[in-house]
Amino acid sequence: MATEKEKTSGYKTPDYIRFIGVAFQMMAIIALGTWIGYYFDQNNSWNFPVWLLTGCLLSIGVAFYQLFKSLPKDNSSSK
C-alpha cells in the first residue's frame, strides 16, 4: 500500500530499501533477545545456558514473524 506522501509525490520507495530496513530490524530483535538471555544467565548459578538459548530461539521466532508480516500479500489467484 502506498502512503499519502507516495500518492501525492508519485515517488515509490524501492523494495530493496524496505527490505534492508527489515534485515536491520531482524538483527536488532535477535541481538536484543540473545542479550537478555545472556543477562539472565549471568545472574543464575546453572551450568547450562538455558536463558541464553531460550532468548535466542524466541527472538529468532519473533524476527521471522515480523519478516512474514512485512512481506507483500500475493492477491493473484493461481487457477
PDB file of N, CA and C in Angstrom:
ATOM      1  N   MET A   1       0.822  -1.168   0.000  1.00  0.00           N
ATOM      2  CA  MET A   1       0.000   0.000   0.000  1.00  0.00           C
ATOM      3  C   MET A   1       0.877   1.245   0.000  1.00  0.00           C
ATOM      4  N   ALA A   2       0.522   2.193  -0.740  1.00  0.00           N
ATOM      5  CA  ALA A   2       1.273   3.436  -0.809  1.00  0.00           C
ATOM      6  C   ALA A   2       0.837   4.382   0.294  1.00  0.00           C
ATOM      7  N   THR A   3       1.811   5.110   0.816  1.00  0.00           N
ATOM      8  CA  THR A   3       1.481   6.094   1.842  1.00  0.00           C
ATOM      9  C   THR A   3       0.955   7.353   1.165  1.00  0.00           C
ATOM     10  N   GLU A   4       0.462   8.287   1.978  1.00  0.00           N
ATOM     11  CA  GLU A   4      -0.077   9.541   1.434  1.00  0.00           C
ATOM     12  C   GLU A   4       1.000  10.322   0.680  1.00  0.00           C
ATOM     13  N   LYS A   5       2.209  10.321   1.211  1.00  0.00           N
ATOM     14  CA  LYS A   5       3.292  11.058   0.557  1.00  0.00           C
ATOM     15  C   LYS A   5       3.609  10.453  -0.814  1.00  0.00           C
ATOM     16  N   GLU A   6       3.616   9.099  -0.866  1.00  0.00           N
ATOM     17  CA  GLU A   6       3.877   8.445  -2.145  1.00  0.00           C
ATOM     18  C   GLU A   6       2.768   8.713  -3.148  1.00  0.00           C
ATOM     19  N   LYS A   7       1.534   8.799  -2.689  1.00  0.00           N
ATOM     20  CA  LYS A   7       0.414   9.051  -3.596  1.00  0.00           C
ATOM     21  C   LYS A   7       0.498  10.454  -4.182  1.00  0.00           C
ATOM     22  N   THR A   8       0.871  11.433  -3.371  1.00  0.00           N
ATOM     23  CA  THR A   8       0.893  12.809  -3.852  1.00  0.00           C
ATOM     24  C   THR A   8       2.141  13.130  -4.654  1.00  0.00           C
ATOM     25  N   SER A   9       3.289  12.562  -4.280  1.00  0.00           N
ATOM     26  CA  SER A   9       4.524  12.916  -4.973  1.00  0.00           C
ATOM     27  C   SER A   9       4.809  12.009  -6.168  1.00  0.00           C
ATOM     28  N   GLY A  10       4.206  10.838  -6.204  1.00  0.00           N
ATOM     29  CA  GLY A  10       4.447   9.914  -7.296  1.00  0.00           C
ATOM     30  C   GLY A  10       5.709   9.094  -7.100  1.00  0.00           C
ATOM     31  N   TYR A  11       6.427   9.297  -5.997  1.00  0.00           N
ATOM     32  CA  TYR A  11       7.660   8.566  -5.718  1.00  0.00           C
ATOM     33  C   TYR A  11       7.343   7.340  -4.880  1.00  0.00           C
ATOM     34  N   LYS A  12       7.849   6.184  -5.305  1.00  0.00           N
ATOM     35  CA  LYS A  12       7.656   4.956  -4.556  1.00  0.00           C
ATOM     36  C   LYS A  12       9.020   4.482  -4.070  1.00  0.00           C
ATOM     37  N   THR A  13       9.102   4.162  -2.788  1.00  0.00           N
ATOM     38  CA  THR A  13      10.356   3.678  -2.222  1.00  0.00           C
ATOM     39  C   THR A  13      10.696   2.330  -2.847  1.00  0.00           C
ATOM     40  N   PRO A  14      11.936   2.165  -3.314  1.00  0.00           N
ATOM     41  CA  PRO A  14      12.314   0.866  -3.891  1.00  0.00           C
ATOM     42  C   PRO A  14      12.216  -0.252  -2.853  1.00  0.00           C
ATOM     43  N   ASP A  15      11.890  -1.454  -3.332  1.00  0.00           N
ATOM     44  CA  ASP A  15      11.703  -2.583  -2.430  1.00  0.00           C
ATOM     45  C   ASP A  15      12.977  -2.936  -1.677  1.00  0.00           C
ATOM     46  N   TYR A  16      14.137  -2.799  -2.315  1.00  0.00           N
ATOM     47  CA  TYR A  16      15.371  -3.192  -1.637  1.00  0.00           C
ATOM     48  C   TYR A  16      15.651  -2.299  -0.432  1.00  0.00           C
ATOM     49  N   ILE A  17      15.235  -1.057  -0.462  1.00  0.00           N
ATOM     50  CA  ILE A  17      15.413  -0.169   0.687  1.00  0.00           C
ATOM     51  C   ILE A  17      14.537  -0.655   1.849  1.00  0.00           C
ATOM     52  N   ARG A  18      13.323  -1.045   1.538  1.00  0.00           N
ATOM     53  CA  ARG A  18      12.409  -1.529   2.575  1.00  0.00           C
ATOM     54  C   ARG A  18      12.943  -2.815   3.198  1.00  0.00           C
ATOM     55  N   PHE A  19      13.487  -3.716   2.386  1.00  0.00           N
ATOM     56  CA  PHE A  19      13.965  -4.983   2.911  1.00  0.00           C
ATOM     57  C   PHE A  19      15.300  -4.847   3.627  1.00  0.00           C
ATOM     58  N   ILE A  20      16.083  -3.825   3.326  1.00  0.00           N
ATOM     59  CA  ILE A  20      17.284  -3.555   4.123  1.00  0.00           C
ATOM     60  C   ILE A  20      16.858  -3.159   5.534  1.00  0.00           C
ATOM     61  N   GLY A  21      15.803  -2.367   5.632  1.00  0.00           N
ATOM     62  CA  GLY A  21      15.274  -1.997   6.942  1.00  0.00           C
ATOM     63  C   GLY A  21      14.765  -3.204   7.705  1.00  0.00           C
ATOM     64  N   VAL A  22      14.117  -4.134   7.017  1.00  0.00           N
ATOM     65  CA  VAL A  22      13.621  -5.347   7.665  1.00  0.00           C
ATOM     66  C   VAL A  22      14.795  -6.190   8.159  1.00  0.00           C
ATOM     67  N   ALA A  23      15.882  -6.243   7.394  1.00  0.00           N
ATOM     68  CA  ALA A  23      17.056  -7.014   7.810  1.00  0.00           C
ATOM     69  C   ALA A  23      17.674  -6.433   9.080  1.00  0.00           C
ATOM     70  N   PHE A  24      17.798  -5.117   9.141  1.00  0.00           N
ATOM     71  CA  PHE A  24      18.336  -4.497  10.345  1.00  0.00           C
ATOM     72  C   PHE A  24      17.399  -4.686  11.536  1.00  0.00           C
ATOM     73  N   GLN A  25      16.105  -4.673  11.288  1.00  0.00           N
ATOM     74  CA  GLN A  25      15.141  -4.909  12.355  1.00  0.00           C
ATOM     75  C   GLN A  25      15.279  -6.337  12.885  1.00  0.00           C
ATOM     76  N   MET A  26      15.454  -7.299  11.996  1.00  0.00           N
ATOM     77  CA  MET A  26      15.648  -8.687  12.420  1.00  0.00           C
ATOM     78  C   MET A  26      16.916  -8.839  13.247  1.00  0.00           C
ATOM     79  N   MET A  27      18.004  -8.200  12.793  1.00  0.00           N
ATOM     80  CA  MET A  27      19.257  -8.282  13.554  1.00  0.00           C
ATOM     81  C   MET A  27      19.094  -7.683  14.946  1.00  0.00           C
ATOM     82  N   ALA A  28      18.388  -6.578  15.047  1.00  0.00           N
ATOM     83  CA  ALA A  28      18.196  -5.930  16.342  1.00  0.00           C
ATOM     84  C   ALA A  28      17.354  -6.791  17.277  1.00  0.00           C
ATOM     85  N   ILE A  29      16.302  -7.417  16.756  1.00  0.00           N
ATOM     86  CA  ILE A  29      15.443  -8.266  17.577  1.00  0.00           C
ATOM     87  C   ILE A  29      16.226  -9.467  18.095  1.00  0.00           C
ATOM     88  N   ILE A  30      16.996 -10.114  17.219  1.00  0.00           N
ATOM     89  CA  ILE A  30      17.764 -11.293  17.625  1.00  0.00           C
ATOM     90  C   ILE A  30      18.856 -10.911  18.617  1.00  0.00           C
ATOM     91  N   ALA A  31      19.525  -9.787  18.381  1.00  0.00           N
ATOM     92  CA  ALA A  31      20.577  -9.352  19.301  1.00  0.00           C
ATOM     93  C   ALA A  31      20.003  -9.013  20.673  1.00  0.00           C
ATOM     94  N   LEU A  32      18.862  -8.345  20.706  1.00  0.00           N
ATOM     95  CA  LEU A  32      18.248  -7.984  21.983  1.00  0.00           C
ATOM     96  C   LEU A  32      17.808  -9.226  22.756  1.00  0.00           C
ATOM     97  N   GLY A  33      17.162 -10.162  22.079  1.00  0.00           N
ATOM     98  CA  GLY A  33      16.732 -11.390  22.751  1.00  0.00           C
ATOM     99  C   GLY A  33      17.897 -12.209  23.264  1.00  0.00           C
ATOM    100  N   THR A  34      18.985 -12.274  22.501  1.00  0.00           N
ATOM    101  CA  THR A  34      20.166 -13.004  22.930  1.00  0.00           C
ATOM    102  C   THR A  34      20.825 -12.316  24.118  1.00  0.00           C
ATOM    103  N   TRP A  35      20.896 -10.993  24.073  1.00  0.00           N
ATOM    104  CA  TRP A  35      21.499 -10.256  25.180  1.00  0.00           C
ATOM    105  C   TRP A  35      20.693 -10.420  26.459  1.00  0.00           C
ATOM    106  N   ILE A  36      19.367 -10.382  26.360  1.00  0.00           N
ATOM    107  CA  ILE A  36      18.521 -10.573  27.546  1.00  0.00           C
ATOM    108  C   ILE A  36      18.736 -11.974  28.131  1.00  0.00           C
ATOM    109  N   GLY A  37      18.801 -12.990  27.269  1.00  0.00           N
ATOM    110  CA  GLY A  37      19.069 -14.346  27.737  1.00  0.00           C
ATOM    111  C   GLY A  37      20.439 -14.467  28.382  1.00  0.00           C
ATOM    112  N   TYR A  38      21.443 -13.808  27.812  1.00  0.00           N
ATOM    113  CA  TYR A  38      22.781 -13.805  28.385  1.00  0.00           C
ATOM    114  C   TYR A  38      22.785 -13.118  29.747  1.00  0.00           C
ATOM    115  N   TYR A  39      22.069 -12.014  29.860  1.00  0.00           N
ATOM    116  CA  TYR A  39      21.989 -11.284  31.126  1.00  0.00           C
ATOM    117  C   TYR A  39      21.350 -12.148  32.214  1.00  0.00           C
ATOM    118  N   PHE A  40      20.265 -12.839  31.892  1.00  0.00           N
ATOM    119  CA  PHE A  40      19.617 -13.708  32.873  1.00  0.00           C
ATOM    120  C   PHE A  40      20.524 -14.865  33.261  1.00  0.00           C
ATOM    121  N   ASP A  41      21.284 -15.404  32.319  1.00  0.00           N
ATOM    122  CA  ASP A  41      22.202 -16.494  32.637  1.00  0.00           C
ATOM    123  C   ASP A  41      23.358 -16.038  33.522  1.00  0.00           C
ATOM    124  N   GLN A  42      23.777 -14.803  33.394  1.00  0.00           N
ATOM    125  CA  GLN A  42      24.847 -14.299  34.253  1.00  0.00           C
ATOM    126  C   GLN A  42      24.386 -14.191  35.699  1.00  0.00           C
ATOM    127  N   ASN A  43      23.092 -14.024  35.914  1.00  0.00           N
ATOM    128  CA  ASN A  43      22.552 -13.905  37.263  1.00  0.00           C
ATOM    129  C   ASN A  43      22.070 -15.236  37.826  1.00  0.00           C
ATOM    130  N   ASN A  44      22.306 -16.332  37.111  1.00  0.00           N
ATOM    131  CA  ASN A  44      21.941 -17.675  37.564  1.00  0.00           C
ATOM    132  C   ASN A  44      23.198 -18.459  37.894  1.00  0.00           C
ATOM    133  N   SER A  45      23.026 -19.496  38.688  1.00  0.00           N
ATOM    134  CA  SER A  45      24.170 -20.360  39.009  1.00  0.00           C
ATOM    135  C   SER A  45      24.084 -21.697  38.273  1.00  0.00           C
ATOM    136  N   TRP A  46      23.260 -21.762  37.234  1.00  0.00           N
ATOM    137  CA  TRP A  46      23.124 -23.004  36.477  1.00  0.00           C
ATOM    138  C   TRP A  46      24.330 -23.184  35.569  1.00  0.00           C
ATOM    139  N   ASN A  47      24.672 -24.432  35.290  1.00  0.00           N
ATOM    140  CA  ASN A  47      25.819 -24.721  34.424  1.00  0.00           C
ATOM    141  C   ASN A  47      25.459 -24.669  32.951  1.00  0.00           C
ATOM    142  N   PHE A  48      24.196 -24.867  32.622  1.00  0.00           N
ATOM    143  CA  PHE A  48      23.749 -24.873  31.227  1.00  0.00           C
ATOM    144  C   PHE A  48      23.064 -23.544  30.906  1.00  0.00           C
ATOM    145  N   PRO A  49      23.372 -22.926  29.769  1.00  0.00           N
ATOM    146  CA  PRO A  49      22.804 -21.602  29.434  1.00  0.00           C
ATOM    147  C   PRO A  49      21.361 -21.676  28.936  1.00  0.00           C
ATOM    148  N   VAL A  50      20.450 -21.990  29.827  1.00  0.00           N
ATOM    149  CA  VAL A  50      19.045 -22.168  29.472  1.00  0.00           C
ATOM    150  C   VAL A  50      18.448 -20.865  28.948  1.00  0.00           C
ATOM    151  N   TRP A  51      18.671 -19.770  29.660  1.00  0.00           N
ATOM    152  CA  TRP A  51      18.065 -18.494  29.282  1.00  0.00           C
ATOM    153  C   TRP A  51      18.667 -17.949  27.994  1.00  0.00           C
ATOM    154  N   LEU A  52      19.946 -18.172  27.783  1.00  0.00           N
ATOM    155  CA  LEU A  52      20.574 -17.722  26.546  1.00  0.00           C
ATOM    156  C   LEU A  52      19.950 -18.413  25.338  1.00  0.00           C
ATOM    157  N   LEU A  53      19.807 -19.721  25.429  1.00  0.00           N
ATOM    158  CA  LEU A  53      19.189 -20.464  24.321  1.00  0.00           C
ATOM    159  C   LEU A  53      17.723 -20.100  24.141  1.00  0.00           C
ATOM    160  N   THR A  54      17.021 -19.931  25.247  1.00  0.00           N
ATOM    161  CA  THR A  54      15.604 -19.558  25.171  1.00  0.00           C
ATOM    162  C   THR A  54      15.437 -18.182  24.532  1.00  0.00           C
ATOM    163  N   GLY A  55      16.228 -17.221  24.991  1.00  0.00           N
ATOM    164  CA  GLY A  55      16.148 -15.868  24.431  1.00  0.00           C
ATOM    165  C   GLY A  55      16.515 -15.838  22.965  1.00  0.00           C
ATOM    166  N   CYS A  56      17.547 -16.588  22.603  1.00  0.00           N
ATOM    167  CA  CYS A  56      17.976 -16.625  21.203  1.00  0.00           C
ATOM    168  C   CYS A  56      16.899 -17.240  20.307  1.00  0.00           C
ATOM    169  N   LEU A  57      16.365 -18.377  20.707  1.00  0.00           N
ATOM    170  CA  LEU A  57      15.372 -19.061  19.871  1.00  0.00           C
ATOM    171  C   LEU A  57      14.052 -18.288  19.804  1.00  0.00           C
ATOM    172  N   LEU A  58      13.629 -17.725  20.922  1.00  0.00           N
ATOM    173  CA  LEU A  58      12.391 -16.935  20.896  1.00  0.00           C
ATOM    174  C   LEU A  58      12.548 -15.684  20.041  1.00  0.00           C
ATOM    175  N   SER A  59      13.700 -15.041  20.129  1.00  0.00           N
ATOM    176  CA  SER A  59      13.900 -13.828  19.326  1.00  0.00           C
ATOM    177  C   SER A  59      13.996 -14.158  17.840  1.00  0.00           C
ATOM    178  N   ILE A  60      14.537 -15.304  17.492  1.00  0.00           N
ATOM    179  CA  ILE A  60      14.553 -15.718  16.084  1.00  0.00           C
ATOM    180  C   ILE A  60      13.115 -15.941  15.601  1.00  0.00           C
ATOM    181  N   GLY A  61      12.294 -16.558  16.431  1.00  0.00           N
ATOM    182  CA  GLY A  61      10.891 -16.755  16.069  1.00  0.00           C
ATOM    183  C   GLY A  61      10.156 -15.435  15.885  1.00  0.00           C
ATOM    184  N   VAL A  62      10.398 -14.488  16.785  1.00  0.00           N
ATOM    185  CA  VAL A  62       9.759 -13.170  16.671  1.00  0.00           C
ATOM    186  C   VAL A  62      10.249 -12.449  15.422  1.00  0.00           C
ATOM    187  N   ALA A  63      11.548 -12.564  15.119  1.00  0.00           N
ATOM    188  CA  ALA A  63      12.102 -11.903  13.938  1.00  0.00           C
ATOM    189  C   ALA A  63      11.492 -12.466  12.655  1.00  0.00           C
ATOM    190  N   PHE A  64      11.326 -13.778  12.576  1.00  0.00           N
ATOM    191  CA  PHE A  64      10.708 -14.357  11.385  1.00  0.00           C
ATOM    192  C   PHE A  64       9.227 -14.001  11.293  1.00  0.00           C
ATOM    193  N   TYR A  65       8.552 -13.897  12.428  1.00  0.00           N
ATOM    194  CA  TYR A  65       7.163 -13.451  12.407  1.00  0.00           C
ATOM    195  C   TYR A  65       7.071 -12.040  11.830  1.00  0.00           C
ATOM    196  N   GLN A  66       7.952 -11.156  12.268  1.00  0.00           N
ATOM    197  CA  GLN A  66       7.979  -9.790  11.738  1.00  0.00           C
ATOM    198  C   GLN A  66       8.284  -9.792  10.241  1.00  0.00           C
ATOM    199  N   LEU A  67       9.186 -10.667   9.811  1.00  0.00           N
ATOM    200  CA  LEU A  67       9.528 -10.754   8.391  1.00  0.00           C
ATOM    201  C   LEU A  67       8.317 -11.175   7.568  1.00  0.00           C
ATOM    202  N   PHE A  68       7.638 -12.232   7.988  1.00  0.00           N
ATOM    203  CA  PHE A  68       6.492 -12.717   7.227  1.00  0.00           C
ATOM    204  C   PHE A  68       5.341 -11.719   7.245  1.00  0.00           C
ATOM    205  N   LYS A  69       5.199 -10.991   8.334  1.00  0.00           N
ATOM    206  CA  LYS A  69       4.157  -9.980   8.418  1.00  0.00           C
ATOM    207  C   LYS A  69       4.442  -8.804   7.481  1.00  0.00           C
ATOM    208  N   SER A  70       5.712  -8.526   7.218  1.00  0.00           N
ATOM    209  CA  SER A  70       6.058  -7.378   6.384  1.00  0.00           C
ATOM    210  C   SER A  70       6.106  -7.708   4.892  1.00  0.00           C
ATOM    211  N   LEU A  71       6.050  -8.977   4.535  1.00  0.00           N
ATOM    212  CA  LEU A  71       6.070  -9.340   3.118  1.00  0.00           C
ATOM    213  C   LEU A  71       4.769  -8.919   2.450  1.00  0.00           C
ATOM    214  N   PRO A  72       4.847  -8.518   1.170  1.00  0.00           N
ATOM    215  CA  PRO A  72       3.615  -8.133   0.494  1.00  0.00           C
ATOM    216  C   PRO A  72       2.706  -9.337   0.259  1.00  0.00           C
ATOM    217  N   LYS A  73       1.435  -9.071   0.314  1.00  0.00           N
ATOM    218  CA  LYS A  73       0.444 -10.124   0.092  1.00  0.00           C
ATOM    219  C   LYS A  73       0.291 -10.372  -1.399  1.00  0.00           C
ATOM    220  N   ASP A  74       0.202 -11.644  -1.778  1.00  0.00           N
ATOM    221  CA  ASP A  74       0.004 -12.005  -3.184  1.00  0.00           C
ATOM    222  C   ASP A  74      -1.490 -12.213  -3.395  1.00  0.00           C
ATOM    223  N   ASN A  75      -2.135 -11.285  -4.086  1.00  0.00           N
ATOM    224  CA  ASN A  75      -3.581 -11.355  -4.281  1.00  0.00           C
ATOM    225  C   ASN A  75      -3.975 -12.068  -5.574  1.00  0.00           C
ATOM    226  N   SER A  76      -3.007 -12.456  -6.388  1.00  0.00           N
ATOM    227  CA  SER A  76      -3.351 -13.113  -7.640  1.00  0.00           C
ATOM    228  C   SER A  76      -3.707 -14.582  -7.373  1.00  0.00           C
ATOM    229  N   SER A  77      -4.690 -15.070  -8.089  1.00  0.00           N
ATOM    230  CA  SER A  77      -5.067 -16.461  -7.930  1.00  0.00           C
ATOM    231  C   SER A  77      -4.319 -17.298  -8.950  1.00  0.00           C
ATOM    232  N   SER A  78      -3.947 -18.505  -8.558  1.00  0.00           N
ATOM    233  CA  SER A  78      -3.171 -19.366  -9.437  1.00  0.00           C
ATOM    234  C   SER A  78      -4.027 -20.441 -10.074  1.00  0.00           C
ATOM    235  N   LYS A  79      -5.258 -20.153 -10.380  1.00  0.00           N
ATOM    236  CA  LYS A  79      -6.170 -21.125 -11.003  1.00  0.00           C
ATOM    237  C   LYS A  79      -6.116 -21.024 -12.489  1.00  0.00           C
TER     238      LYS A  79
END
